[in-house]
């Protein structure tokens, strides 16, 4: 995560936002007398929200982590998706 001071972020806001999107990484904006802020793209924010939603259930989190481990061990099976509207 890149760190930038508030005054630099303010002076170069468009460039900071563009780089945040291009790098697919958040930016920590530091402030002298106030809490810091993290800037991230909307796509990254939505991804984080979805991840948090999926992992909030311990049972679901366990299933997801088990599936990831199976895939990493080469135990995953690729299947064709079924189109319910297809013939």
N, C-alpha and C. Protein backbone atom coordinates (compact mmCIF):
# COMPACT_ATOMS: atom_id res chain seq x y z
N UNK A 1 0.86 -1.17 0.00
CA UNK A 1 0.00 0.00 0.00
C UNK A 1 0.91 1.23 0.00
N UNK A 2 0.64 2.09 -0.92
CA UNK A 2 1.39 3.34 -1.02
C UNK A 2 0.88 4.33 0.02
N UNK A 3 1.76 5.15 0.54
CA UNK A 3 1.39 6.17 1.53
C UNK A 3 1.69 7.55 0.96
N UNK A 4 0.75 8.47 1.16
CA UNK A 4 0.90 9.84 0.67
C UNK A 4 0.31 10.78 1.71
N UNK A 5 0.91 11.93 1.87
CA UNK A 5 0.40 12.91 2.82
C UNK A 5 -0.82 13.62 2.22
N UNK A 6 -1.73 14.03 3.07
CA UNK A 6 -2.97 14.67 2.64
C UNK A 6 -2.73 15.83 1.68
N UNK A 7 -1.78 16.71 1.99
CA UNK A 7 -1.56 17.88 1.13
C UNK A 7 -1.10 17.47 -0.26
N UNK A 8 -0.28 16.41 -0.36
CA UNK A 8 0.15 15.91 -1.67
C UNK A 8 -1.03 15.27 -2.41
N UNK A 9 -1.85 14.53 -1.68
CA UNK A 9 -3.02 13.91 -2.30
C UNK A 9 -3.98 14.97 -2.82
N UNK A 10 -4.19 16.01 -2.05
CA UNK A 10 -5.09 17.09 -2.46
C UNK A 10 -4.56 17.79 -3.71
N UNK A 11 -3.25 18.04 -3.75
CA UNK A 11 -2.65 18.74 -4.89
C UNK A 11 -2.66 17.90 -6.16
N UNK A 12 -2.66 16.59 -6.00
CA UNK A 12 -2.56 15.68 -7.15
C UNK A 12 -3.69 14.66 -7.15
N UNK A 13 -4.88 15.08 -6.77
CA UNK A 13 -5.97 14.13 -6.54
C UNK A 13 -6.27 13.26 -7.76
N UNK A 14 -6.38 13.85 -8.94
CA UNK A 14 -6.69 13.05 -10.13
C UNK A 14 -5.62 12.00 -10.37
N UNK A 15 -4.35 12.39 -10.28
CA UNK A 15 -3.26 11.44 -10.50
C UNK A 15 -3.26 10.34 -9.44
N UNK A 16 -3.53 10.71 -8.19
CA UNK A 16 -3.58 9.72 -7.11
C UNK A 16 -4.72 8.73 -7.36
N UNK A 17 -5.88 9.24 -7.75
CA UNK A 17 -7.02 8.36 -8.03
C UNK A 17 -6.73 7.45 -9.23
N UNK A 18 -6.17 8.02 -10.30
CA UNK A 18 -5.85 7.21 -11.48
C UNK A 18 -4.85 6.11 -11.15
N UNK A 19 -3.82 6.44 -10.39
CA UNK A 19 -2.81 5.44 -10.03
C UNK A 19 -3.41 4.37 -9.12
N UNK A 20 -4.30 4.77 -8.23
CA UNK A 20 -4.97 3.80 -7.36
C UNK A 20 -5.73 2.78 -8.19
N UNK A 21 -6.43 3.25 -9.20
CA UNK A 21 -7.19 2.35 -10.08
C UNK A 21 -6.25 1.51 -10.92
N UNK A 22 -5.24 2.15 -11.54
CA UNK A 22 -4.32 1.43 -12.42
C UNK A 22 -3.51 0.37 -11.68
N UNK A 23 -3.09 0.67 -10.44
CA UNK A 23 -2.27 -0.26 -9.66
C UNK A 23 -3.09 -1.31 -8.93
N UNK A 24 -4.41 -1.17 -8.93
CA UNK A 24 -5.28 -2.09 -8.18
C UNK A 24 -4.81 -2.21 -6.73
N UNK A 25 -4.47 -1.07 -6.14
CA UNK A 25 -3.97 -1.05 -4.78
C UNK A 25 -4.51 0.17 -4.06
N UNK A 26 -4.68 0.05 -2.77
CA UNK A 26 -5.18 1.16 -1.97
C UNK A 26 -4.04 2.13 -1.66
N UNK A 27 -4.41 3.35 -1.31
CA UNK A 27 -3.45 4.39 -0.93
C UNK A 27 -3.81 4.86 0.48
N UNK A 28 -2.82 4.89 1.35
CA UNK A 28 -3.01 5.42 2.70
C UNK A 28 -2.72 6.91 2.66
N UNK A 29 -3.71 7.72 3.00
CA UNK A 29 -3.55 9.17 3.04
C UNK A 29 -3.41 9.56 4.50
N UNK A 30 -2.22 10.08 4.84
CA UNK A 30 -1.93 10.43 6.22
C UNK A 30 -2.27 11.90 6.47
N UNK A 31 -2.70 12.17 7.71
CA UNK A 31 -3.03 13.54 8.11
C UNK A 31 -2.35 13.81 9.44
N UNK A 32 -1.94 15.03 9.63
CA UNK A 32 -1.15 15.39 10.82
C UNK A 32 -1.97 15.30 12.11
N UNK A 33 -3.13 15.92 12.15
CA UNK A 33 -3.90 16.01 13.40
C UNK A 33 -5.25 15.31 13.33
N UNK A 34 -5.35 14.30 12.49
CA UNK A 34 -6.62 13.60 12.33
C UNK A 34 -6.33 12.16 11.90
N UNK A 35 -7.30 11.28 12.05
CA UNK A 35 -7.09 9.89 11.62
C UNK A 35 -6.77 9.81 10.13
N UNK A 36 -6.00 8.82 9.76
CA UNK A 36 -5.66 8.59 8.36
C UNK A 36 -6.85 8.03 7.60
N UNK A 37 -6.75 8.05 6.27
CA UNK A 37 -7.82 7.58 5.40
C UNK A 37 -7.21 6.66 4.35
N UNK A 38 -7.96 5.64 3.94
CA UNK A 38 -7.52 4.75 2.87
C UNK A 38 -8.39 5.02 1.65
N UNK A 39 -7.73 5.21 0.50
CA UNK A 39 -8.41 5.43 -0.77
C UNK A 39 -8.27 4.18 -1.61
N UNK A 40 -9.39 3.68 -2.15
CA UNK A 40 -9.34 2.51 -3.03
C UNK A 40 -10.38 2.68 -4.12
N UNK A 41 -10.22 1.93 -5.20
CA UNK A 41 -11.18 2.00 -6.30
C UNK A 41 -12.52 1.41 -5.86
N UNK A 42 -13.56 1.80 -6.56
CA UNK A 42 -14.88 1.25 -6.27
C UNK A 42 -14.89 -0.26 -6.49
N UNK A 43 -14.23 -0.72 -7.55
CA UNK A 43 -14.18 -2.16 -7.83
C UNK A 43 -13.52 -2.92 -6.69
N UNK A 44 -12.42 -2.36 -6.17
CA UNK A 44 -11.74 -3.02 -5.05
C UNK A 44 -12.61 -3.00 -3.80
N UNK A 45 -13.29 -1.90 -3.55
CA UNK A 45 -14.18 -1.79 -2.40
C UNK A 45 -15.31 -2.82 -2.50
N UNK A 46 -15.93 -2.94 -3.67
CA UNK A 46 -17.01 -3.92 -3.86
C UNK A 46 -16.49 -5.34 -3.66
N UNK A 47 -15.27 -5.60 -4.13
CA UNK A 47 -14.66 -6.91 -3.94
C UNK A 47 -14.46 -7.21 -2.46
N UNK A 48 -13.98 -6.23 -1.71
CA UNK A 48 -13.78 -6.40 -0.26
C UNK A 48 -15.12 -6.67 0.42
N UNK A 49 -16.15 -5.92 0.04
CA UNK A 49 -17.48 -6.13 0.65
C UNK A 49 -17.97 -7.55 0.39
N UNK A 50 -17.82 -8.02 -0.84
CA UNK A 50 -18.27 -9.36 -1.20
C UNK A 50 -17.48 -10.42 -0.42
N UNK A 51 -16.17 -10.23 -0.31
CA UNK A 51 -15.34 -11.16 0.45
C UNK A 51 -15.77 -11.21 1.91
N UNK A 52 -15.98 -10.05 2.50
CA UNK A 52 -16.41 -10.00 3.90
C UNK A 52 -17.77 -10.68 4.08
N UNK A 53 -18.67 -10.48 3.13
CA UNK A 53 -19.99 -11.11 3.20
C UNK A 53 -19.84 -12.64 3.15
N UNK A 54 -19.02 -13.13 2.22
CA UNK A 54 -18.87 -14.57 2.07
C UNK A 54 -18.17 -15.21 3.26
N UNK A 55 -17.28 -14.47 3.90
CA UNK A 55 -16.51 -15.04 5.01
C UNK A 55 -17.13 -14.79 6.38
N UNK A 56 -18.25 -14.06 6.45
CA UNK A 56 -18.83 -13.77 7.76
C UNK A 56 -19.45 -15.01 8.40
N UNK A 57 -19.83 -15.96 7.60
CA UNK A 57 -20.34 -17.22 8.13
C UNK A 57 -19.16 -18.18 8.30
N UNK A 58 -18.90 -18.65 9.52
CA UNK A 58 -17.77 -19.58 9.72
C UNK A 58 -17.89 -20.84 8.86
N UNK A 59 -19.10 -21.34 8.69
CA UNK A 59 -19.30 -22.54 7.88
C UNK A 59 -18.95 -22.27 6.42
N UNK A 60 -19.42 -21.15 5.89
CA UNK A 60 -19.13 -20.80 4.51
C UNK A 60 -17.64 -20.53 4.32
N UNK A 61 -17.04 -19.83 5.27
CA UNK A 61 -15.60 -19.55 5.20
C UNK A 61 -14.80 -20.85 5.16
N UNK A 62 -15.19 -21.81 5.99
CA UNK A 62 -14.49 -23.10 6.01
C UNK A 62 -14.62 -23.81 4.68
N UNK A 63 -15.81 -23.80 4.09
CA UNK A 63 -16.02 -24.45 2.79
C UNK A 63 -15.17 -23.79 1.71
N UNK A 64 -15.15 -22.47 1.70
CA UNK A 64 -14.37 -21.75 0.70
C UNK A 64 -12.89 -22.08 0.85
N UNK A 65 -12.37 -22.02 2.07
CA UNK A 65 -10.95 -22.30 2.30
C UNK A 65 -10.61 -23.75 1.95
N UNK A 66 -11.52 -24.66 2.24
CA UNK A 66 -11.29 -26.07 1.88
C UNK A 66 -11.24 -26.23 0.36
N UNK A 67 -12.13 -25.54 -0.34
CA UNK A 67 -12.14 -25.60 -1.81
C UNK A 67 -10.88 -25.00 -2.41
N UNK A 68 -10.40 -23.90 -1.85
CA UNK A 68 -9.16 -23.29 -2.33
C UNK A 68 -8.00 -24.26 -2.13
N UNK A 69 -7.95 -24.90 -0.97
CA UNK A 69 -6.88 -25.87 -0.70
C UNK A 69 -6.93 -27.04 -1.68
N UNK A 70 -8.14 -27.54 -1.97
CA UNK A 70 -8.28 -28.63 -2.94
C UNK A 70 -7.77 -28.19 -4.31
N UNK A 71 -8.11 -26.98 -4.71
CA UNK A 71 -7.66 -26.47 -6.01
C UNK A 71 -6.14 -26.38 -6.06
N UNK A 72 -5.54 -25.89 -4.99
CA UNK A 72 -4.07 -25.76 -4.94
C UNK A 72 -3.38 -27.13 -4.99
N UNK A 73 -4.04 -28.15 -4.47
CA UNK A 73 -3.47 -29.50 -4.51
C UNK A 73 -3.74 -30.18 -5.85
N UNK A 74 -4.43 -29.50 -6.76
CA UNK A 74 -4.74 -30.08 -8.06
C UNK A 74 -5.92 -31.02 -8.03
N UNK A 75 -6.75 -30.93 -7.02
CA UNK A 75 -7.89 -31.84 -6.87
C UNK A 75 -9.19 -31.26 -7.42
N UNK A 76 -9.13 -30.08 -7.99
CA UNK A 76 -10.35 -29.46 -8.52
C UNK A 76 -10.72 -30.10 -9.85
N UNK A 77 -12.00 -30.15 -10.13
CA UNK A 77 -12.49 -30.71 -11.37
C UNK A 77 -13.18 -29.60 -12.15
N UNK A 78 -12.72 -29.40 -13.39
CA UNK A 78 -13.34 -28.37 -14.23
C UNK A 78 -14.60 -28.93 -14.86
N UNK A 79 -15.65 -28.15 -14.82
CA UNK A 79 -16.93 -28.58 -15.39
C UNK A 79 -17.49 -27.47 -16.27
N UNK A 80 -18.29 -27.87 -17.24
CA UNK A 80 -18.97 -26.90 -18.09
C UNK A 80 -20.19 -26.38 -17.35
N UNK A 81 -20.43 -25.09 -17.46
CA UNK A 81 -21.63 -24.52 -16.85
C UNK A 81 -22.84 -24.87 -17.70
N UNK A 82 -23.93 -25.10 -17.03
CA UNK A 82 -25.18 -25.43 -17.72
C UNK A 82 -25.96 -24.15 -17.91
N UNK A 83 -26.34 -23.88 -19.15
CA UNK A 83 -27.16 -22.71 -19.46
C UNK A 83 -28.62 -23.13 -19.31
N UNK A 84 -29.32 -22.62 -18.29
CA UNK A 84 -30.71 -23.05 -18.07
C UNK A 84 -31.63 -22.65 -19.21
N UNK A 85 -31.25 -21.66 -20.00
CA UNK A 85 -32.08 -21.22 -21.12
C UNK A 85 -31.64 -21.86 -22.43
N UNK A 86 -30.53 -22.56 -22.41
CA UNK A 86 -30.00 -23.18 -23.62
C UNK A 86 -30.76 -24.43 -23.97
N UNK A 87 -30.57 -24.86 -25.19
CA UNK A 87 -31.27 -26.07 -25.64
C UNK A 87 -30.32 -27.19 -25.88
